[in-house]
């Protein structure tokens, strides 16, 4: 497994944990936590897609 795939796995894991935190925030009925979790998910997915594009342009994927 090359380095690019390891990095993409870490981004996928971070996105998964953000999705889980949204469910947890709903369970504890915290509006602030829900908003923060959705923002974290958007941030992680955005950075992940941007990184994937850079890897693809450099021929690493």
N, C-alpha and C. Protein backbone atom coordinates (compact mmCIF):
# COMPACT_ATOMS: atom_id res chain seq x y z
N UNK A 1 0.85 -1.18 0.00
CA UNK A 1 0.00 0.00 0.00
C UNK A 1 0.90 1.24 0.00
N UNK A 2 0.67 2.11 -0.99
CA UNK A 2 1.54 3.28 -1.07
C UNK A 2 1.08 4.38 -0.10
N UNK A 3 1.90 5.39 0.02
CA UNK A 3 1.67 6.45 1.00
C UNK A 3 0.38 7.21 0.73
N UNK A 4 0.03 7.43 -0.53
CA UNK A 4 -1.18 8.17 -0.88
C UNK A 4 -2.43 7.44 -0.39
N UNK A 5 -2.44 6.13 -0.52
CA UNK A 5 -3.61 5.36 -0.07
C UNK A 5 -3.73 5.37 1.45
N UNK A 6 -2.63 5.39 2.15
CA UNK A 6 -2.66 5.48 3.62
C UNK A 6 -3.25 6.82 4.04
N UNK A 7 -2.83 7.89 3.36
CA UNK A 7 -3.36 9.22 3.67
C UNK A 7 -4.86 9.27 3.40
N UNK A 8 -5.29 8.70 2.28
CA UNK A 8 -6.72 8.70 1.95
C UNK A 8 -7.51 7.86 2.96
N UNK A 9 -6.92 6.78 3.45
CA UNK A 9 -7.58 5.98 4.49
C UNK A 9 -7.77 6.79 5.76
N UNK A 10 -6.79 7.59 6.12
CA UNK A 10 -6.90 8.42 7.32
C UNK A 10 -8.02 9.45 7.15
N UNK A 11 -8.12 10.06 5.96
CA UNK A 11 -9.21 11.00 5.70
C UNK A 11 -10.57 10.30 5.77
N UNK A 12 -10.65 9.09 5.22
CA UNK A 12 -11.91 8.34 5.26
C UNK A 12 -12.28 7.99 6.70
N UNK A 13 -11.32 7.63 7.50
CA UNK A 13 -11.57 7.32 8.90
C UNK A 13 -12.03 8.56 9.67
N UNK A 14 -11.42 9.69 9.38
CA UNK A 14 -11.82 10.95 10.03
C UNK A 14 -13.25 11.33 9.64
N UNK A 15 -13.60 11.13 8.37
CA UNK A 15 -14.97 11.42 7.93
C UNK A 15 -15.96 10.47 8.60
N UNK A 16 -15.60 9.22 8.74
CA UNK A 16 -16.46 8.25 9.41
C UNK A 16 -16.69 8.65 10.87
N UNK A 17 -15.64 9.06 11.55
CA UNK A 17 -15.77 9.48 12.95
C UNK A 17 -16.62 10.74 13.06
N UNK A 18 -16.53 11.62 12.07
CA UNK A 18 -17.38 12.82 12.07
C UNK A 18 -18.85 12.44 11.91
N UNK A 19 -19.12 11.45 11.05
CA UNK A 19 -20.51 10.99 10.87
C UNK A 19 -21.04 10.35 12.14
N UNK A 20 -20.20 9.59 12.81
CA UNK A 20 -20.61 8.97 14.07
C UNK A 20 -20.89 10.04 15.12
N UNK A 21 -20.06 11.09 15.13
CA UNK A 21 -20.27 12.16 16.11
C UNK A 21 -21.57 12.91 15.85
N UNK A 22 -22.02 12.99 14.60
CA UNK A 22 -23.32 13.61 14.32
C UNK A 22 -24.42 12.80 15.00
N UNK A 23 -24.37 11.49 14.86
CA UNK A 23 -25.36 10.63 15.51
C UNK A 23 -25.33 10.75 17.02
N UNK A 24 -24.14 10.82 17.57
CA UNK A 24 -24.00 10.97 19.02
C UNK A 24 -24.55 12.32 19.48
N UNK A 25 -24.28 13.36 18.70
CA UNK A 25 -24.77 14.69 19.06
C UNK A 25 -26.29 14.75 19.02
N UNK A 26 -26.88 14.04 18.06
CA UNK A 26 -28.34 13.97 18.01
C UNK A 26 -28.88 13.23 19.23
N UNK A 27 -28.18 12.17 19.63
CA UNK A 27 -28.63 11.38 20.77
C UNK A 27 -28.60 12.18 22.07
N UNK A 28 -27.60 13.05 22.23
CA UNK A 28 -27.54 13.84 23.46
C UNK A 28 -28.29 15.17 23.33
N UNK A 29 -28.88 15.40 22.14
CA UNK A 29 -29.72 16.57 21.87
C UNK A 29 -28.98 17.88 22.11
N UNK A 30 -27.79 17.98 21.54
CA UNK A 30 -26.99 19.18 21.65
C UNK A 30 -26.88 19.85 20.28
N UNK A 31 -27.52 20.99 20.14
CA UNK A 31 -27.52 21.71 18.86
C UNK A 31 -26.09 22.13 18.49
N UNK A 32 -25.35 22.63 19.47
CA UNK A 32 -23.96 23.06 19.20
C UNK A 32 -23.12 21.90 18.69
N UNK A 33 -23.25 20.74 19.30
CA UNK A 33 -22.47 19.57 18.89
C UNK A 33 -22.87 19.10 17.50
N UNK A 34 -24.15 19.20 17.18
CA UNK A 34 -24.61 18.80 15.85
C UNK A 34 -23.99 19.71 14.80
N UNK A 35 -24.05 21.01 15.04
CA UNK A 35 -23.50 21.97 14.08
C UNK A 35 -21.99 21.79 13.94
N UNK A 36 -21.31 21.59 15.06
CA UNK A 36 -19.86 21.39 15.03
C UNK A 36 -19.50 20.10 14.29
N UNK A 37 -20.28 19.06 14.48
CA UNK A 37 -20.00 17.79 13.81
C UNK A 37 -20.21 17.89 12.31
N UNK A 38 -21.27 18.56 11.90
CA UNK A 38 -21.53 18.74 10.47
C UNK A 38 -20.44 19.60 9.84
N UNK A 39 -20.00 20.63 10.55
CA UNK A 39 -18.92 21.47 10.04
C UNK A 39 -17.62 20.67 9.94
N UNK A 40 -17.34 19.84 10.92
CA UNK A 40 -16.14 19.01 10.88
C UNK A 40 -16.20 18.03 9.71
N UNK A 41 -17.36 17.46 9.47
CA UNK A 41 -17.52 16.54 8.34
C UNK A 41 -17.27 17.25 7.02
N UNK A 42 -17.84 18.43 6.86
CA UNK A 42 -17.62 19.20 5.64
C UNK A 42 -16.17 19.56 5.45
N UNK A 43 -15.50 19.94 6.52
CA UNK A 43 -14.08 20.29 6.46
C UNK A 43 -13.22 19.09 6.07
N UNK A 44 -13.44 17.97 6.74
CA UNK A 44 -12.64 16.77 6.48
C UNK A 44 -12.87 16.27 5.05
N UNK A 45 -14.13 16.24 4.61
CA UNK A 45 -14.40 15.75 3.26
C UNK A 45 -13.83 16.70 2.22
N UNK A 46 -13.91 18.00 2.47
CA UNK A 46 -13.35 18.97 1.53
C UNK A 46 -11.85 18.83 1.38
N UNK A 47 -11.16 18.73 2.51
CA UNK A 47 -9.71 18.55 2.47
C UNK A 47 -9.35 17.21 1.83
N UNK A 48 -10.13 16.18 2.11
CA UNK A 48 -9.87 14.87 1.52
C UNK A 48 -10.01 14.87 0.01
N UNK A 49 -11.07 15.48 -0.50
CA UNK A 49 -11.26 15.54 -1.95
C UNK A 49 -10.18 16.39 -2.62
N UNK A 50 -9.78 17.48 -1.96
CA UNK A 50 -8.73 18.33 -2.51
C UNK A 50 -7.40 17.56 -2.56
N UNK A 51 -7.12 16.80 -1.51
CA UNK A 51 -5.89 16.01 -1.47
C UNK A 51 -5.92 14.91 -2.53
N UNK A 52 -7.07 14.28 -2.71
CA UNK A 52 -7.19 13.24 -3.72
C UNK A 52 -6.95 13.80 -5.12
N UNK A 53 -7.46 15.00 -5.38
CA UNK A 53 -7.23 15.63 -6.68
C UNK A 53 -5.74 15.89 -6.90
N UNK A 54 -5.04 16.36 -5.86
CA UNK A 54 -3.61 16.61 -5.98
C UNK A 54 -2.84 15.32 -6.21
N UNK A 55 -3.22 14.26 -5.51
CA UNK A 55 -2.56 12.96 -5.71
C UNK A 55 -2.78 12.47 -7.14
N UNK A 56 -4.00 12.62 -7.65
CA UNK A 56 -4.32 12.17 -9.00
C UNK A 56 -3.52 12.98 -10.05
N UNK A 57 -3.41 14.30 -9.82
CA UNK A 57 -2.65 15.13 -10.76
C UNK A 57 -1.17 14.78 -10.76
N UNK A 58 -0.64 14.35 -9.61
CA UNK A 58 0.77 13.96 -9.52
C UNK A 58 1.00 12.50 -9.90
N UNK A 59 -0.05 11.77 -10.21
CA UNK A 59 0.09 10.37 -10.62
C UNK A 59 0.35 9.41 -9.49
N UNK A 60 -0.02 9.78 -8.28
CA UNK A 60 0.22 8.89 -7.14
C UNK A 60 -0.93 7.91 -6.90
N UNK A 61 -2.09 8.17 -7.48
CA UNK A 61 -3.22 7.24 -7.33
C UNK A 61 -3.45 6.46 -8.59
